[in-house]
Amino acid sequence: MSTPFTNLIAMNNTYSFPSVPFAVESQIRVHHSAEIEKFTNVLAHPRSLARPMPTWRPPTIRLTDNLQVTVQRHRVGTKVRARLRGFGEHRNPAYVVSVRFTDPTGRPIRPVEAKAWVHAFLPTDSAYSLHELTSESAPTLCWIIDQHFRPLESPTSLFDRGEKVA
């Protein structure tokens, strides 16, 4: 089954991030509000979304028949807090959120598709920085949030060279 989102992506596959077309993001918000609510609930869950146990797996949310997202949330370390203050961020960073988009059938996910979903997950009324980890095999995006789960602005250098953010 084809979703309006998939059709829009097929028509708009030549643009580059961060200029995700508003039409794609708004289509996701309209047609997938239940999935967005699930994502928001998982992100705000009080239990840890990153555990050191080898048998534990982070939560996965099915977004469409052929798209799912795995969510991890790590506490921000003191060095990163200091760097963000130096970067000019006045709010207190609490977590690094990492989301990985995959297709259960093995189909490769285009990064622009993942970015459109993340923009639909995040509020439209604030500035924030979204970082893509290009070394991953599936589209993986990260951002930093405060204790109220609002995204913050952050320098790209925090996510370069595999630096430990959390």
Protein backbone atom coordinates (compact mmCIF):
# COMPACT_ATOMS: atom_id res chain seq x y z
CA MET A 1 0.00 0.00 0.00
CA SER A 2 1.40 3.36 -1.00
CA THR A 3 1.12 6.27 1.41
CA PRO A 4 0.78 9.93 0.39
CA PHE A 5 4.24 10.38 1.93
CA THR A 6 5.83 7.83 -0.39
CA ASN A 7 4.21 9.45 -3.42
CA LEU A 8 5.50 12.88 -2.43
CA ILE A 9 9.01 11.55 -1.86
CA ALA A 10 8.97 9.97 -5.32
CA MET A 11 8.05 13.34 -6.83
CA ASN A 12 10.61 15.31 -4.80
CA ASN A 13 13.71 13.16 -4.78
CA THR A 14 16.12 15.81 -6.06
CA TYR A 15 16.20 18.28 -3.16
CA SER A 16 18.86 18.43 -0.50
CA PHE A 17 18.72 18.69 3.28
CA PRO A 18 17.96 20.89 5.17
CA SER A 19 15.42 22.11 2.62
CA VAL A 20 12.92 19.30 3.23
CA PRO A 21 9.79 20.44 1.41
CA PHE A 22 7.04 21.56 3.71
CA ALA A 23 4.57 19.46 1.70
CA VAL A 24 6.28 16.18 2.64
CA GLU A 25 6.57 17.06 6.31
CA SER A 26 2.98 18.26 6.49
CA GLN A 27 1.71 15.12 4.71
CA ILE A 28 3.44 13.00 7.33
CA ARG A 29 1.92 15.11 10.12
CA VAL A 30 -1.58 14.75 8.62
CA HIS A 31 -1.54 11.07 7.64
CA HIS A 32 0.66 9.64 10.41
CA SER A 33 -0.31 11.54 13.55
CA ALA A 34 -0.72 8.28 15.52
CA GLU A 35 2.83 7.20 14.65
CA ILE A 36 4.18 10.64 15.58
CA GLU A 37 2.38 10.38 18.92
CA LYS A 38 3.91 6.91 19.51
CA PHE A 39 7.37 8.33 18.79
CA THR A 40 6.80 11.24 21.19
CA ASN A 41 5.59 8.88 23.92
CA VAL A 42 8.58 6.56 23.52
CA LEU A 43 11.01 9.48 23.56
CA ALA A 44 9.53 10.88 26.76
CA HIS A 45 9.32 7.49 28.51
CA PRO A 46 10.97 7.70 31.95
CA ARG A 47 12.97 4.48 31.52
CA SER A 48 16.36 4.49 29.85
CA LEU A 49 16.39 4.13 26.08
CA ALA A 50 20.04 3.06 26.07
CA ARG A 51 21.26 0.21 28.23
CA PRO A 52 24.66 -1.51 28.41
CA MET A 53 23.20 -5.03 28.46
CA PRO A 54 23.97 -7.02 25.27
CA THR A 55 20.51 -8.65 25.22
CA TRP A 56 18.59 -5.37 25.42
CA ARG A 57 17.36 -3.77 22.20
CA PRO A 58 16.12 -0.17 21.88
CA PRO A 59 12.45 0.38 21.09
CA THR A 60 11.36 0.19 17.47
CA ILE A 61 8.27 1.94 16.15
CA ARG A 62 6.55 0.87 12.94
CA LEU A 63 5.80 4.05 10.97
CA THR A 64 4.40 2.52 7.78
CA ASP A 65 4.23 -0.98 6.33
CA ASN A 66 7.76 -0.58 5.01
CA LEU A 67 9.39 1.85 7.43
CA GLN A 68 10.36 1.58 11.08
CA VAL A 69 12.45 3.71 13.41
CA THR A 70 14.63 2.60 16.31
CA VAL A 71 14.99 5.17 19.10
CA GLN A 72 17.86 5.65 21.54
CA ARG A 73 18.30 8.38 24.13
CA HIS A 74 21.58 8.91 26.03
CA ARG A 75 22.31 11.40 28.81
CA VAL A 76 24.55 14.27 27.77
CA GLY A 77 27.96 14.38 29.44
CA THR A 78 29.43 17.36 31.29
CA LYS A 79 31.99 18.15 28.55
CA VAL A 80 29.24 18.37 25.95
CA ARG A 81 27.16 20.61 28.23
CA ALA A 82 30.11 22.96 28.52
CA ARG A 83 30.67 22.92 24.73
CA LEU A 84 27.03 23.74 24.10
CA ARG A 85 27.17 26.65 26.53
CA GLY A 86 30.25 27.86 24.63
CA PHE A 87 28.29 27.41 21.39
CA GLY A 88 25.71 29.86 22.76
CA GLU A 89 22.93 27.48 23.84
CA HIS A 90 21.32 28.90 26.99
CA ARG A 91 19.06 25.92 27.75
CA ASN A 92 20.44 22.95 29.65
CA PRO A 93 21.00 19.90 27.39
CA ALA A 94 19.77 16.63 28.86
CA TYR A 95 19.87 13.92 26.19
CA VAL A 96 21.23 12.98 22.79
CA VAL A 97 18.52 11.35 20.69
CA SER A 98 19.52 8.94 17.95
CA VAL A 99 17.02 7.48 15.49
CA ARG A 100 17.76 4.82 12.88
CA PHE A 101 15.37 4.21 9.99
CA THR A 102 15.07 0.78 8.40
CA ASP A 103 12.72 -1.27 6.25
CA PRO A 104 11.82 -4.72 7.65
CA THR A 105 12.06 -6.16 4.13
CA GLY A 106 15.63 -4.89 3.68
CA ARG A 107 14.87 -2.11 1.19
CA PRO A 108 17.39 0.75 1.53
CA ILE A 109 15.88 3.89 3.06
CA ARG A 110 16.77 7.17 1.42
CA PRO A 111 18.17 9.72 3.89
CA VAL A 112 15.74 12.37 2.64
CA GLU A 113 12.84 10.11 3.68
CA ALA A 114 14.28 9.75 7.20
CA LYS A 115 14.89 13.49 7.48
CA ALA A 116 11.32 14.29 6.48
CA TRP A 117 10.06 12.00 9.26
CA VAL A 118 12.35 13.57 11.85
CA HIS A 119 11.21 17.05 10.88
CA ALA A 120 7.63 15.84 11.32
CA PHE A 121 8.51 14.48 14.79
CA LEU A 122 10.04 17.74 15.98
CA PRO A 123 8.27 21.00 16.80
CA THR A 124 8.08 23.65 14.11
CA ASP A 125 8.29 26.61 16.48
CA SER A 126 11.95 26.44 17.49
CA ALA A 127 15.41 26.37 15.96
CA TYR A 128 17.37 23.16 16.32
CA SER A 129 20.23 21.25 14.77
CA LEU A 130 19.81 17.85 13.19
CA HIS A 131 22.89 15.72 12.46
CA GLU A 132 23.17 12.77 10.09
CA LEU A 133 25.65 10.01 10.92
CA THR A 134 26.85 9.15 7.43
CA SER A 135 29.02 6.25 8.58
CA GLU A 136 25.96 4.15 9.48
CA SER A 137 24.49 1.53 7.13
CA ALA A 138 20.95 2.91 7.55
CA PRO A 139 19.91 6.57 7.82
CA THR A 140 20.71 7.60 11.39
CA LEU A 141 19.95 11.08 12.66
CA CYS A 142 20.83 12.68 16.00
CA TRP A 143 19.89 15.79 17.90
CA ILE A 144 20.19 17.12 21.44
CA ILE A 145 17.16 17.85 23.63
CA ASP A 146 16.61 19.56 26.97
CA GLN A 147 14.82 18.07 29.99
CA HIS A 148 11.46 19.05 28.46
CA PHE A 149 12.33 17.12 25.26
CA ARG A 150 12.67 20.31 23.19
CA PRO A 151 15.44 20.14 20.57
CA LEU A 152 18.46 22.43 20.91
CA GLU A 153 20.93 23.92 18.51
CA SER A 154 24.29 22.14 18.52
CA PRO A 155 27.49 22.32 16.50
CA THR A 156 28.18 19.67 13.88
CA SER A 157 31.62 19.17 15.41
CA LEU A 158 30.00 17.31 18.33
CA PHE A 159 29.09 14.50 15.95
CA ASP A 160 32.27 14.49 13.82
CA ARG A 161 35.01 11.92 14.12
CA GLY A 162 32.96 9.63 16.36
CA GLU A 163 33.30 11.95 19.35
CA LYS A 164 31.50 10.64 22.41
CA VAL A 165 28.57 13.00 22.99
CA ALA A 166 26.84 11.11 25.76
